[in-house]
Amino acid sequence: MTTVAVIDYGMGNLRSVCKAIQHVAPKAHVQLVNAAAGLSRADKVVFPGQGAIVGCMRALETSGLHDALLDALRNKPFLGLCLGLQALYESSEEGGGTPGLGVLPGRVRRFRPLQNGDGALKVPHMGWNQVYQARAHPLWRGIADRARFYFVHSYYAEMSDPSVAAGATEYGVRFTSAAARANIFAVQFHPEKSQQAGLQLLANFVDWNGEA
């Protein structure tokens, strides 16, 4: 039986993520994990999150999950969701410049309110938007290019290595909404809130062996 660890560091609607994964993969063992031992025993790891990256990084350190998470990022199929994408980068503008895990190259920036043809773009970016698939990947299986997913965020990833980009979205700027490298796949949107396309992505992750 595949064990999927959903990291519990005290932030985000974690149970909705667990329920969505269990729905698409009823034979998988899905469990919330708040200790390093749970990550080491898991076959796959999901890093969800909502809220501030400052609190996220602090919680990873104080819980003892930080080093175990870095180890999982090296050798297990890994899925980051929303804040779980942003935390993978080198730094974030949030909190005056917060260091991230430094696993992916680039930084996280705050949206600046901009004018478009319909008026001002609001921050946070909230609601449904298209994801343009930058390249083929096993986690895109069965998902149409430009499928719509549900977003809620005020910060976005600015990628410094285009080869890591797996998907992009337009909201005043074109930002990385999906990143992939080796055993890592991470998205800015919330698959658990994205109806059929989101559930398909979660099902693809449970089936994924970590190879692109």
N, C-alpha and C. Protein backbone atom coordinates (compact mmCIF):
# COMPACT_ATOMS: atom_id res chain seq x y z
N MET A 1 0.83 -1.19 0.00
CA MET A 1 0.00 0.00 0.00
C MET A 1 0.88 1.26 0.00
N THR A 2 0.57 2.19 -0.86
CA THR A 2 1.32 3.44 -0.94
C THR A 2 0.96 4.35 0.23
N THR A 3 1.97 4.84 0.92
CA THR A 3 1.76 5.78 2.02
C THR A 3 2.07 7.19 1.55
N VAL A 4 1.08 8.07 1.65
CA VAL A 4 1.24 9.46 1.25
C VAL A 4 1.22 10.32 2.51
N ALA A 5 2.32 10.99 2.80
CA ALA A 5 2.41 11.86 3.96
C ALA A 5 2.03 13.28 3.54
N VAL A 6 1.07 13.87 4.24
CA VAL A 6 0.69 15.26 4.05
C VAL A 6 1.27 16.03 5.24
N ILE A 7 2.20 16.93 4.96
CA ILE A 7 2.93 17.61 6.03
C ILE A 7 2.01 18.54 6.80
N ASP A 8 1.97 18.34 8.11
CA ASP A 8 1.18 19.17 9.01
C ASP A 8 2.12 20.04 9.83
N TYR A 9 2.23 21.31 9.45
CA TYR A 9 3.07 22.24 10.21
C TYR A 9 2.22 23.37 10.81
N GLY A 10 0.91 23.07 10.93
CA GLY A 10 0.02 24.00 11.62
C GLY A 10 -0.57 25.09 10.78
N MET A 11 -0.47 25.00 9.42
CA MET A 11 -0.99 26.04 8.55
C MET A 11 -1.73 25.41 7.39
N GLY A 12 -2.89 25.96 7.02
CA GLY A 12 -3.58 25.51 5.82
C GLY A 12 -4.70 24.54 6.13
N ASN A 13 -5.54 24.34 5.14
CA ASN A 13 -6.68 23.43 5.27
C ASN A 13 -6.23 22.02 4.88
N LEU A 14 -5.53 21.39 5.79
CA LEU A 14 -4.85 20.14 5.47
C LEU A 14 -5.81 18.98 5.27
N ARG A 15 -6.89 18.96 6.02
CA ARG A 15 -7.80 17.82 5.93
C ARG A 15 -8.51 17.78 4.58
N SER A 16 -8.75 18.92 3.97
CA SER A 16 -9.37 18.91 2.64
C SER A 16 -8.42 18.30 1.62
N VAL A 17 -7.12 18.53 1.79
CA VAL A 17 -6.12 17.90 0.90
C VAL A 17 -6.12 16.39 1.11
N CYS A 18 -6.12 15.96 2.36
CA CYS A 18 -6.14 14.53 2.66
C CYS A 18 -7.38 13.87 2.08
N LYS A 19 -8.53 14.49 2.25
CA LYS A 19 -9.78 13.91 1.76
C LYS A 19 -9.79 13.81 0.24
N ALA A 20 -9.22 14.83 -0.43
CA ALA A 20 -9.18 14.80 -1.89
C ALA A 20 -8.28 13.67 -2.40
N ILE A 21 -7.13 13.48 -1.76
CA ILE A 21 -6.23 12.40 -2.17
C ILE A 21 -6.86 11.04 -1.90
N GLN A 22 -7.49 10.91 -0.74
CA GLN A 22 -8.13 9.64 -0.42
C GLN A 22 -9.28 9.34 -1.38
N HIS A 23 -9.95 10.40 -1.85
CA HIS A 23 -11.05 10.22 -2.80
C HIS A 23 -10.55 9.63 -4.12
N VAL A 24 -9.42 10.14 -4.61
CA VAL A 24 -8.92 9.67 -5.91
C VAL A 24 -8.09 8.40 -5.79
N ALA A 25 -7.62 8.10 -4.58
CA ALA A 25 -6.78 6.92 -4.38
C ALA A 25 -7.22 6.20 -3.11
N PRO A 26 -8.39 5.55 -3.13
CA PRO A 26 -8.93 4.93 -1.91
C PRO A 26 -8.05 3.83 -1.32
N LYS A 27 -7.15 3.26 -2.12
CA LYS A 27 -6.29 2.20 -1.62
C LYS A 27 -5.00 2.73 -0.99
N ALA A 28 -4.75 4.03 -1.14
CA ALA A 28 -3.55 4.63 -0.55
C ALA A 28 -3.77 4.90 0.93
N HIS A 29 -2.69 4.91 1.67
CA HIS A 29 -2.74 5.28 3.09
C HIS A 29 -2.30 6.74 3.19
N VAL A 30 -3.25 7.64 3.46
CA VAL A 30 -2.97 9.07 3.51
C VAL A 30 -2.97 9.50 4.97
N GLN A 31 -1.88 10.15 5.41
CA GLN A 31 -1.83 10.53 6.80
C GLN A 31 -1.17 11.90 6.99
N LEU A 32 -1.70 12.66 7.94
CA LEU A 32 -1.06 13.91 8.33
C LEU A 32 0.18 13.59 9.15
N VAL A 33 1.28 14.27 8.82
CA VAL A 33 2.56 13.98 9.47
C VAL A 33 3.12 15.28 10.06
N ASN A 34 3.45 15.26 11.33
CA ASN A 34 4.03 16.45 11.97
C ASN A 34 5.37 16.16 12.63
N ALA A 35 5.99 15.04 12.26
CA ALA A 35 7.30 14.67 12.82
C ALA A 35 8.17 14.06 11.73
N ALA A 36 9.47 14.16 11.91
CA ALA A 36 10.42 13.69 10.90
C ALA A 36 10.27 12.22 10.59
N ALA A 37 9.97 11.41 11.61
CA ALA A 37 9.87 9.96 11.40
C ALA A 37 8.76 9.63 10.41
N GLY A 38 7.67 10.37 10.45
CA GLY A 38 6.58 10.12 9.52
C GLY A 38 6.96 10.37 8.08
N LEU A 39 7.78 11.39 7.86
CA LEU A 39 8.25 11.67 6.49
C LEU A 39 9.19 10.58 6.01
N SER A 40 10.04 10.11 6.87
CA SER A 40 11.01 9.09 6.45
C SER A 40 10.33 7.77 6.10
N ARG A 41 9.18 7.48 6.72
CA ARG A 41 8.47 6.22 6.44
C ARG A 41 7.58 6.31 5.20
N ALA A 42 7.24 7.50 4.76
CA ALA A 42 6.29 7.67 3.67
C ALA A 42 6.91 7.34 2.32
N ASP A 43 6.05 6.90 1.40
CA ASP A 43 6.49 6.65 0.02
C ASP A 43 6.47 7.94 -0.80
N LYS A 44 5.51 8.81 -0.51
CA LYS A 44 5.35 10.06 -1.24
C LYS A 44 5.02 11.16 -0.24
N VAL A 45 5.33 12.41 -0.62
CA VAL A 45 5.15 13.53 0.31
C VAL A 45 4.39 14.66 -0.38
N VAL A 46 3.39 15.20 0.32
CA VAL A 46 2.65 16.37 -0.14
C VAL A 46 2.87 17.49 0.87
N PHE A 47 3.25 18.66 0.35
CA PHE A 47 3.53 19.83 1.18
C PHE A 47 2.53 20.92 0.83
N PRO A 48 1.37 20.95 1.52
CA PRO A 48 0.36 21.97 1.23
C PRO A 48 0.58 23.21 2.09
N GLY A 49 -0.20 24.24 1.87
CA GLY A 49 -0.09 25.37 2.76
C GLY A 49 -0.83 26.60 2.30
N GLN A 50 -1.30 27.36 3.26
CA GLN A 50 -1.84 28.68 3.06
C GLN A 50 -1.29 29.56 4.17
N GLY A 51 -1.21 30.86 3.92
CA GLY A 51 -0.73 31.75 4.96
C GLY A 51 0.61 32.36 4.61
N ALA A 52 1.39 32.72 5.62
CA ALA A 52 2.62 33.47 5.44
C ALA A 52 3.84 32.55 5.45
N ILE A 53 4.78 32.84 4.57
CA ILE A 53 5.97 31.99 4.49
C ILE A 53 6.85 32.16 5.72
N VAL A 54 6.80 33.31 6.37
CA VAL A 54 7.59 33.51 7.59
C VAL A 54 7.18 32.47 8.64
N GLY A 55 5.88 32.35 8.86
CA GLY A 55 5.40 31.37 9.82
C GLY A 55 5.66 29.95 9.38
N CYS A 56 5.59 29.71 8.08
CA CYS A 56 5.84 28.37 7.53
C CYS A 56 7.26 27.92 7.82
N MET A 57 8.24 28.77 7.49
CA MET A 57 9.64 28.38 7.68
C MET A 57 9.96 28.22 9.16
N ARG A 58 9.38 29.09 9.99
CA ARG A 58 9.61 28.98 11.44
C ARG A 58 9.04 27.67 11.97
N ALA A 59 7.84 27.31 11.50
CA ALA A 59 7.20 26.08 11.96
C ALA A 59 7.99 24.84 11.54
N LEU A 60 8.56 24.86 10.34
CA LEU A 60 9.37 23.72 9.89
C LEU A 60 10.59 23.54 10.78
N GLU A 61 11.19 24.65 11.20
CA GLU A 61 12.38 24.57 12.06
C GLU A 61 12.02 24.06 13.45
N THR A 62 10.99 24.66 14.04
CA THR A 62 10.67 24.32 15.44
C THR A 62 10.09 22.90 15.57
N SER A 63 9.47 22.41 14.52
CA SER A 63 8.88 21.07 14.57
C SER A 63 9.88 19.96 14.27
N GLY A 64 11.05 20.33 13.79
CA GLY A 64 12.04 19.33 13.40
C GLY A 64 11.81 18.74 12.03
N LEU A 65 10.87 19.34 11.26
CA LEU A 65 10.54 18.82 9.93
C LEU A 65 11.49 19.32 8.84
N HIS A 66 12.22 20.38 9.12
CA HIS A 66 13.01 21.04 8.08
C HIS A 66 13.98 20.08 7.39
N ASP A 67 14.85 19.44 8.13
CA ASP A 67 15.86 18.56 7.53
C ASP A 67 15.23 17.31 6.91
N ALA A 68 14.19 16.80 7.55
CA ALA A 68 13.50 15.63 6.99
C ALA A 68 12.83 15.98 5.67
N LEU A 69 12.31 17.19 5.57
CA LEU A 69 11.70 17.64 4.33
C LEU A 69 12.74 17.77 3.23
N LEU A 70 13.89 18.33 3.54
CA LEU A 70 14.97 18.43 2.55
C LEU A 70 15.40 17.05 2.07
N ASP A 71 15.45 16.09 2.97
CA ASP A 71 15.81 14.73 2.60
C ASP A 71 14.76 14.13 1.68
N ALA A 72 13.48 14.35 2.00
CA ALA A 72 12.39 13.84 1.15
C ALA A 72 12.44 14.46 -0.24
N LEU A 73 12.79 15.72 -0.29
CA LEU A 73 12.88 16.42 -1.58
C LEU A 73 13.98 15.84 -2.48
N ARG A 74 14.93 15.15 -1.88
CA ARG A 74 16.01 14.54 -2.66
C ARG A 74 15.64 13.18 -3.21
N ASN A 75 14.70 12.46 -2.56
CA ASN A 75 14.56 11.06 -2.95
C ASN A 75 13.14 10.49 -2.98
N LYS A 76 12.11 11.33 -2.79
CA LYS A 76 10.73 10.81 -2.84
C LYS A 76 9.89 11.63 -3.80
N PRO A 77 8.89 11.00 -4.45
CA PRO A 77 7.94 11.80 -5.23
C PRO A 77 7.31 12.86 -4.32
N PHE A 78 7.40 14.10 -4.76
CA PHE A 78 7.04 15.23 -3.91
C PHE A 78 6.08 16.16 -4.65
N LEU A 79 5.01 16.58 -3.95
CA LEU A 79 4.06 17.52 -4.52
C LEU A 79 3.88 18.69 -3.58
N GLY A 80 4.21 19.90 -4.06
CA GLY A 80 4.02 21.12 -3.28
C GLY A 80 2.78 21.85 -3.76
N LEU A 81 1.99 22.37 -2.82
CA LEU A 81 0.74 23.06 -3.15
C LEU A 81 0.74 24.46 -2.56
N CYS A 82 0.56 25.46 -3.40
CA CYS A 82 0.43 26.86 -2.99
C CYS A 82 1.68 27.31 -2.22
N LEU A 83 1.58 27.53 -0.91
CA LEU A 83 2.75 27.90 -0.14
C LEU A 83 3.82 26.81 -0.21
N GLY A 84 3.40 25.58 -0.45
CA GLY A 84 4.34 24.48 -0.63
C GLY A 84 5.16 24.59 -1.90
N LEU A 85 4.73 25.42 -2.85
CA LEU A 85 5.56 25.79 -4.01
C LEU A 85 6.50 26.92 -3.63
N GLN A 86 5.96 27.98 -3.05
CA GLN A 86 6.77 29.17 -2.77
C GLN A 86 7.93 28.88 -1.83
N ALA A 87 7.72 27.97 -0.87
CA ALA A 87 8.77 27.66 0.10
C ALA A 87 9.97 26.96 -0.53
N LEU A 88 9.82 26.42 -1.73
CA LEU A 88 10.92 25.70 -2.38
C LEU A 88 11.97 26.65 -2.96
N TYR A 89 11.62 27.92 -3.13
CA TYR A 89 12.53 28.87 -3.78
C TYR A 89 13.56 29.42 -2.80
N GLU A 90 14.48 30.21 -3.37
CA GLU A 90 15.60 30.71 -2.57
C GLU A 90 15.17 31.75 -1.54
N SER A 91 14.21 32.60 -1.92
CA SER A 91 13.77 33.65 -1.00
C SER A 91 12.42 34.18 -1.42
N SER A 92 11.79 34.92 -0.49
CA SER A 92 10.50 35.55 -0.76
C SER A 92 10.55 37.00 -0.30
N GLU A 93 9.87 37.88 -1.03
CA GLU A 93 9.75 39.27 -0.60
C GLU A 93 8.94 39.40 0.67
N GLU A 94 8.12 38.41 0.96
CA GLU A 94 7.28 38.47 2.14
C GLU A 94 8.15 38.52 3.40
N GLY A 95 7.74 39.34 4.35
CA GLY A 95 8.50 39.46 5.59
C GLY A 95 9.80 40.21 5.43
N GLY A 96 9.93 40.99 4.35
CA GLY A 96 11.14 41.77 4.15
C GLY A 96 12.30 40.99 3.57
N GLY A 97 12.03 39.80 3.11
CA GLY A 97 13.08 38.97 2.52
C GLY A 97 13.31 37.73 3.34
N THR A 98 12.45 36.72 3.15
CA THR A 98 12.50 35.50 3.94
C THR A 98 13.20 34.39 3.16
N PRO A 99 14.24 33.78 3.69
CA PRO A 99 14.89 32.66 3.00
C PRO A 99 13.95 31.47 2.90
N GLY A 100 13.95 30.82 1.73
CA GLY A 100 13.19 29.60 1.55
C GLY A 100 14.08 28.39 1.68
N LEU A 101 13.59 27.26 1.17
CA LEU A 101 14.37 26.02 1.25
C LEU A 101 15.51 25.99 0.23
N GLY A 102 15.44 26.82 -0.79
CA GLY A 102 16.53 26.91 -1.76
C GLY A 102 16.66 25.70 -2.66
N VAL A 103 15.56 24.97 -2.85
CA VAL A 103 15.60 23.77 -3.69
C VAL A 103 15.43 24.13 -5.17
N LEU A 104 14.65 25.16 -5.45
CA LEU A 104 14.43 25.63 -6.81
C LEU A 104 15.04 27.02 -6.98
N PRO A 105 15.60 27.31 -8.15
CA PRO A 105 16.21 28.63 -8.36
C PRO A 105 15.16 29.71 -8.60
N GLY A 106 15.35 30.87 -7.98
CA GLY A 106 14.44 31.97 -8.19
C GLY A 106 13.95 32.54 -6.87
N ARG A 107 13.04 33.50 -6.98
CA ARG A 107 12.52 34.13 -5.77
C ARG A 107 11.01 34.33 -5.91
N VAL A 108 10.38 34.62 -4.79
CA VAL A 108 8.95 34.83 -4.75
C VAL A 108 8.68 36.32 -4.55
N ARG A 109 7.84 36.88 -5.41
CA ARG A 109 7.56 38.31 -5.39
C ARG A 109 6.08 38.57 -5.11
N ARG A 110 5.78 39.76 -4.62
CA ARG A 110 4.38 40.14 -4.37
C ARG A 110 3.77 40.75 -5.63
N PHE A 111 2.51 40.41 -5.89
CA PHE A 111 1.79 41.06 -6.98
C PHE A 111 1.68 42.55 -6.71
N ARG A 112 1.89 43.35 -7.74
CA ARG A 112 1.63 44.78 -7.67
C ARG A 112 0.30 45.03 -8.36
N PRO A 113 -0.63 45.76 -7.71
CA PRO A 113 -1.90 46.05 -8.38
C PRO A 113 -1.65 46.76 -9.71
N LEU A 114 -2.20 46.22 -10.79
CA LEU A 114 -1.98 46.74 -12.13
C LEU A 114 -3.31 47.00 -12.80
N GLN A 115 -3.26 47.82 -13.84
CA GLN A 115 -4.45 48.06 -14.63
C GLN A 115 -4.47 47.12 -15.83
N ASN A 116 -5.62 46.54 -16.09
CA ASN A 116 -5.81 45.81 -17.34
C ASN A 116 -7.01 46.40 -18.05
N GLY A 117 -7.48 45.77 -19.09
CA GLY A 117 -8.59 46.33 -19.86
C GLY A 117 -9.88 46.44 -19.08
N ASP A 118 -10.01 45.65 -18.03
CA ASP A 118 -11.24 45.64 -17.24
C ASP A 118 -11.11 46.44 -15.94
N GLY A 119 -9.96 47.09 -15.75
CA GLY A 119 -9.74 47.85 -14.52
C GLY A 119 -8.58 47.29 -13.72
N ALA A 120 -8.57 47.56 -12.43
CA ALA A 120 -7.44 47.17 -11.59
C ALA A 120 -7.48 45.69 -11.26
N LEU A 121 -6.33 45.05 -11.34
CA LEU A 121 -6.21 43.66 -10.89
C LEU A 121 -6.08 43.66 -9.37
N LYS A 122 -6.90 42.88 -8.71
CA LYS A 122 -6.91 42.88 -7.26
C LYS A 122 -5.87 41.93 -6.70
N VAL A 123 -5.38 42.26 -5.54
CA VAL A 123 -4.47 41.40 -4.79
C VAL A 123 -5.15 41.09 -3.46
N PRO A 124 -5.31 39.80 -3.11
CA PRO A 124 -4.72 38.63 -3.75
C PRO A 124 -5.39 38.23 -5.06
N HIS A 125 -4.65 37.46 -5.84
CA HIS A 125 -5.18 36.79 -7.01
C HIS A 125 -6.05 35.64 -6.49
N MET A 126 -7.35 35.76 -6.72
CA MET A 126 -8.28 34.78 -6.13
C MET A 126 -9.30 34.35 -7.17
N GLY A 127 -9.44 33.05 -7.36
CA GLY A 127 -10.45 32.52 -8.27
C GLY A 127 -9.83 31.61 -9.31
N TRP A 128 -10.59 31.35 -10.36
CA TRP A 128 -10.19 30.41 -11.40
C TRP A 128 -9.34 31.09 -12.46
N ASN A 129 -8.30 30.40 -12.91
CA ASN A 129 -7.44 30.93 -13.97
C ASN A 129 -6.82 29.76 -14.74
N GLN A 130 -6.38 30.08 -15.95
CA GLN A 130 -5.81 29.04 -16.81
C GLN A 130 -4.35 28.76 -16.47
N VAL A 131 -3.96 27.52 -16.69
CA VAL A 131 -2.56 27.12 -16.59
C VAL A 131 -2.11 26.65 -17.96
N TYR A 132 -1.11 27.34 -18.49
CA TYR A 132 -0.51 26.99 -19.78
C TYR A 132 0.62 25.99 -19.52
N GLN A 133 0.47 24.79 -20.00
CA GLN A 133 1.48 23.77 -19.75
C GLN A 133 2.73 24.06 -20.58
N ALA A 134 3.86 24.20 -19.89
CA ALA A 134 5.11 24.55 -20.55
C ALA A 134 5.77 23.34 -21.22
N ARG A 135 5.49 22.17 -20.71
CA ARG A 135 6.06 20.93 -21.27
C ARG A 135 5.28 19.74 -20.76
N ALA A 136 5.50 18.62 -21.40
CA ALA A 136 4.83 17.39 -20.99
C ALA A 136 5.37 16.93 -19.64
N HIS A 137 4.49 16.34 -18.85
CA HIS A 137 4.90 15.78 -17.55
C HIS A 137 3.85 14.75 -17.15
N PRO A 138 4.26 13.67 -16.45
CA PRO A 138 3.28 12.67 -16.02
C PRO A 138 2.12 13.24 -15.21
N LEU A 139 2.34 14.32 -14.48
CA LEU A 139 1.25 14.87 -13.67
C LEU A 139 0.24 15.66 -14.49
N TRP A 140 0.55 15.94 -15.75
CA TRP A 140 -0.42 16.58 -16.65
C TRP A 140 -1.27 15.55 -17.39
N ARG A 141 -1.04 14.27 -17.16
CA ARG A 141 -1.78 13.25 -17.89
C ARG A 141 -3.29 13.43 -17.69
N GLY A 142 -4.03 13.46 -18.80
CA GLY A 142 -5.47 13.60 -18.73
C GLY A 142 -5.97 15.00 -18.43
N ILE A 143 -5.08 15.98 -18.40
CA ILE A 143 -5.45 17.36 -18.11
C ILE A 143 -5.15 18.20 -19.35
N ALA A 144 -6.14 18.90 -19.86
CA ALA A 144 -5.97 19.70 -21.07
C ALA A 144 -5.09 20.91 -20.81
N ASP A 145 -4.30 21.27 -21.82
CA ASP A 145 -3.57 22.54 -21.75
C ASP A 145 -4.58 23.67 -21.59
N ARG A 146 -4.23 24.64 -20.79
CA ARG A 146 -5.07 25.80 -20.46
C ARG A 146 -6.28 25.43 -19.60
N ALA A 147 -6.22 24.29 -18.95
CA ALA A 147 -7.26 23.95 -17.98
C ALA A 147 -7.26 24.99 -16.87
N ARG A 148 -8.42 25.17 -16.24
CA ARG A 148 -8.56 26.18 -15.20
C ARG A 148 -8.45 25.53 -13.82
N PHE A 149 -7.71 26.21 -12.96
CA PHE A 149 -7.52 25.77 -11.58
C PHE A 149 -7.83 26.93 -10.64
N TYR A 150 -8.00 26.60 -9.37
CA TYR A 150 -8.40 27.62 -8.39
C TYR A 150 -7.17 28.15 -7.64
N PHE A 151 -7.04 29.48 -7.62
CA PHE A 151 -5.90 30.16 -7.01
C PHE A 151 -6.36 31.05 -5.85
N VAL A 152 -5.51 31.15 -4.83
CA VAL A 152 -5.64 32.17 -3.77
C VAL A 152 -4.23 32.51 -3.31
N HIS A 153 -3.68 33.65 -3.77
CA HIS A 153 -2.31 34.01 -3.35
C HIS A 153 -2.01 35.46 -3.67
N SER A 154 -1.12 36.04 -2.88
CA SER A 154 -0.66 37.41 -3.08
C SER A 154 0.77 37.46 -3.58
N TYR A 155 1.45 36.32 -3.56
CA TYR A 155 2.85 36.23 -3.99
C TYR A 155 2.96 35.19 -5.10
N TYR A 156 3.96 35.35 -5.95
CA TYR A 156 4.12 34.44 -7.08
C TYR A 156 5.59 34.12 -7.30
N ALA A 157 5.85 33.00 -7.92
CA ALA A 157 7.22 32.56 -8.17
C ALA A 157 7.78 33.20 -9.44
N GLU A 158 8.95 33.77 -9.30
CA GLU A 158 9.69 34.33 -10.44
C GLU A 158 10.88 33.39 -10.68
N MET A 159 10.75 32.57 -11.70
CA MET A 159 11.72 31.52 -11.98
C MET A 159 12.98 32.09 -12.63
N SER A 160 14.16 31.64 -12.18
CA SER A 160 15.41 32.06 -12.82
C SER A 160 15.96 30.98 -13.75
N ASP A 161 15.34 29.81 -13.78
CA ASP A 161 15.75 28.72 -14.67
C ASP A 161 14.51 28.24 -15.43
N PRO A 162 14.33 28.66 -16.68
CA PRO A 162 13.12 28.30 -17.43
C PRO A 162 12.92 26.80 -17.58
N SER A 163 13.98 26.02 -17.50
CA SER A 163 13.83 24.57 -17.69
C SER A 163 13.03 23.92 -16.56
N VAL A 164 12.89 24.60 -15.43
CA VAL A 164 12.15 24.05 -14.29
C VAL A 164 10.66 24.34 -14.41
N ALA A 165 10.29 25.28 -15.26
CA ALA A 165 8.88 25.66 -15.39
C ALA A 165 8.08 24.54 -16.07
N ALA A 166 6.97 24.16 -15.46
CA ALA A 166 6.07 23.16 -16.04
C ALA A 166 4.73 23.77 -16.43
N GLY A 167 4.44 24.97 -15.92
CA GLY A 167 3.19 25.64 -16.24
C GLY A 167 3.27 27.11 -15.89
N ALA A 168 2.50 27.92 -16.60
CA ALA A 168 2.49 29.37 -16.36
C ALA A 168 1.06 29.89 -16.39
N THR A 169 0.85 31.01 -15.70
CA THR A 169 -0.47 31.64 -15.62
C THR A 169 -0.30 33.15 -15.75
N GLU A 170 -1.30 33.80 -16.33
CA GLU A 170 -1.27 35.25 -16.52
C GLU A 170 -2.14 35.93 -15.47
N TYR A 171 -1.54 36.89 -14.76
CA TYR A 171 -2.32 37.76 -13.88
C TYR A 171 -1.52 39.06 -13.70
N GLY A 172 -1.67 39.93 -14.67
CA GLY A 172 -0.85 41.13 -14.68
C GLY A 172 0.56 40.86 -15.17
N VAL A 173 1.15 39.79 -14.67
CA VAL A 173 2.44 39.27 -15.14
C VAL A 173 2.25 37.79 -15.45
N ARG A 174 3.18 37.25 -16.19
CA ARG A 174 3.17 35.81 -16.44
C ARG A 174 4.05 35.16 -15.37
N PHE A 175 3.47 34.33 -14.55
CA PHE A 175 4.23 33.74 -13.44
C PHE A 175 4.21 32.22 -13.52
N THR A 176 5.14 31.61 -12.83
CA THR A 176 5.25 30.15 -12.80
C THR A 176 4.17 29.60 -11.88
N SER A 177 3.22 28.88 -12.45
CA SER A 177 2.16 28.28 -11.64
C SER A 177 2.38 26.78 -11.45
N ALA A 178 3.38 26.21 -12.11
CA ALA A 178 3.77 24.81 -11.88
C ALA A 178 5.27 24.69 -12.16
N ALA A 179 5.96 24.03 -11.27
CA ALA A 179 7.41 23.82 -11.43
C ALA A 179 7.70 22.33 -11.27
N ALA A 180 8.68 21.85 -12.03
CA ALA A 180 9.01 20.43 -11.97
C ALA A 180 10.49 20.23 -12.19
N ARG A 181 11.06 19.37 -11.36
CA ARG A 181 12.45 18.94 -11.54
C ARG A 181 12.63 17.59 -10.88
N ALA A 182 13.07 16.62 -11.68
CA ALA A 182 13.30 15.26 -11.17
C ALA A 182 12.06 14.76 -10.42
N ASN A 183 12.18 14.49 -9.13
CA ASN A 183 11.08 13.92 -8.34
C ASN A 183 10.15 14.97 -7.73
N ILE A 184 10.34 16.23 -8.09
CA ILE A 184 9.57 17.34 -7.50
C ILE A 184 8.58 17.90 -8.51
N PHE A 185 7.35 18.08 -8.07
CA PHE A 185 6.33 18.80 -8.83
C PHE A 185 5.61 19.70 -7.84
N ALA A 186 5.45 20.97 -8.18
CA ALA A 186 4.82 21.90 -7.25
C ALA A 186 3.97 22.89 -8.03
N VAL A 187 2.83 23.26 -7.44
CA VAL A 187 1.88 24.14 -8.13
C VAL A 187 1.45 25.27 -7.21
N GLN A 188 1.13 26.42 -7.81
CA GLN A 188 0.66 27.56 -7.04
C GLN A 188 -0.83 27.45 -6.70
N PHE A 189 -1.56 26.73 -7.51
CA PHE A 189 -3.00 26.61 -7.30
C PHE A 189 -3.34 25.52 -6.29
N HIS A 190 -4.63 25.38 -6.01
CA HIS A 190 -5.12 24.38 -5.05
C HIS A 190 -5.83 23.26 -5.81
N PRO A 191 -5.17 22.13 -6.05
CA PRO A 191 -5.84 21.02 -6.75
C PRO A 191 -7.08 20.53 -6.01
N GLU A 192 -7.03 20.54 -4.68
CA GLU A 192 -8.16 20.02 -3.90
C GLU A 192 -9.41 20.88 -4.04
N LYS A 193 -9.26 22.10 -4.58
CA LYS A 193 -10.39 23.01 -4.80
C LYS A 193 -10.69 23.19 -6.28
N SER A 194 -10.01 22.43 -7.13
CA SER A 194 -10.06 22.67 -8.57
C SER A 194 -10.87 21.64 -9.35
N GLN A 195 -11.80 21.00 -8.68
CA GLN A 195 -12.74 20.08 -9.33
C GLN A 195 -12.00 19.00 -10.13
N GLN A 196 -12.48 18.65 -11.32
CA GLN A 196 -11.99 17.47 -12.02
C GLN A 196 -10.52 17.57 -12.39
N ALA A 197 -10.08 18.72 -12.88
CA ALA A 197 -8.67 18.86 -13.27
C ALA A 197 -7.76 18.69 -12.05
N GLY A 198 -8.16 19.27 -10.93
CA GLY A 198 -7.35 19.15 -9.73
C GLY A 198 -7.31 17.73 -9.19
N LEU A 199 -8.45 17.05 -9.22
CA LEU A 199 -8.48 15.67 -8.76
C LEU A 199 -7.65 14.76 -9.67
N GLN A 200 -7.66 15.06 -10.97
CA GLN A 200 -6.85 14.27 -11.89
C GLN A 200 -5.37 14.44 -11.58
N LEU A 201 -4.96 15.67 -11.27
CA LEU A 201 -3.55 15.91 -10.92
C LEU A 201 -3.17 15.14 -9.66
N LEU A 202 -4.03 15.13 -8.66
CA LEU A 202 -3.74 14.38 -7.44
C LEU A 202 -3.67 12.87 -7.71
N ALA A 203 -4.57 12.38 -8.55
CA ALA A 203 -4.53 10.96 -8.91
C ALA A 203 -3.24 10.63 -9.65
N ASN A 204 -2.84 11.52 -10.54
CA ASN A 204 -1.59 11.32 -11.27
C ASN A 204 -0.39 11.27 -10.31
N PHE A 205 -0.43 12.11 -9.28
CA PHE A 205 0.68 12.12 -8.33
C PHE A 205 0.76 10.79 -7.58
N VAL A 206 -0.35 10.27 -7.14
CA VAL A 206 -0.33 9.01 -6.40
C VAL A 206 0.22 7.88 -7.28
N ASP A 207 -0.02 7.95 -8.57
CA ASP A 207 0.48 6.93 -9.51
C ASP A 207 1.93 7.17 -9.94
N TRP A 208 2.46 8.35 -9.67
CA TRP A 208 3.76 8.78 -10.21
C TRP A 208 4.91 8.11 -9.46
N ASN A 209 5.93 7.68 -10.20
CA ASN A 209 7.10 7.06 -9.59
C ASN A 209 8.24 8.06 -9.34
N GLY A 210 8.00 9.33 -9.63
CA GLY A 210 9.02 10.35 -9.37
C GLY A 210 9.94 10.62 -10.54
N GLU A 211 9.66 10.01 -11.69
CA GLU A 211 10.49 10.24 -12.88
C GLU A 211 9.72 11.08 -13.89
N ALA A 212 10.40 12.09 -14.46
CA ALA A 212 9.76 12.95 -15.45
C ALA A 212 9.82 12.32 -16.82
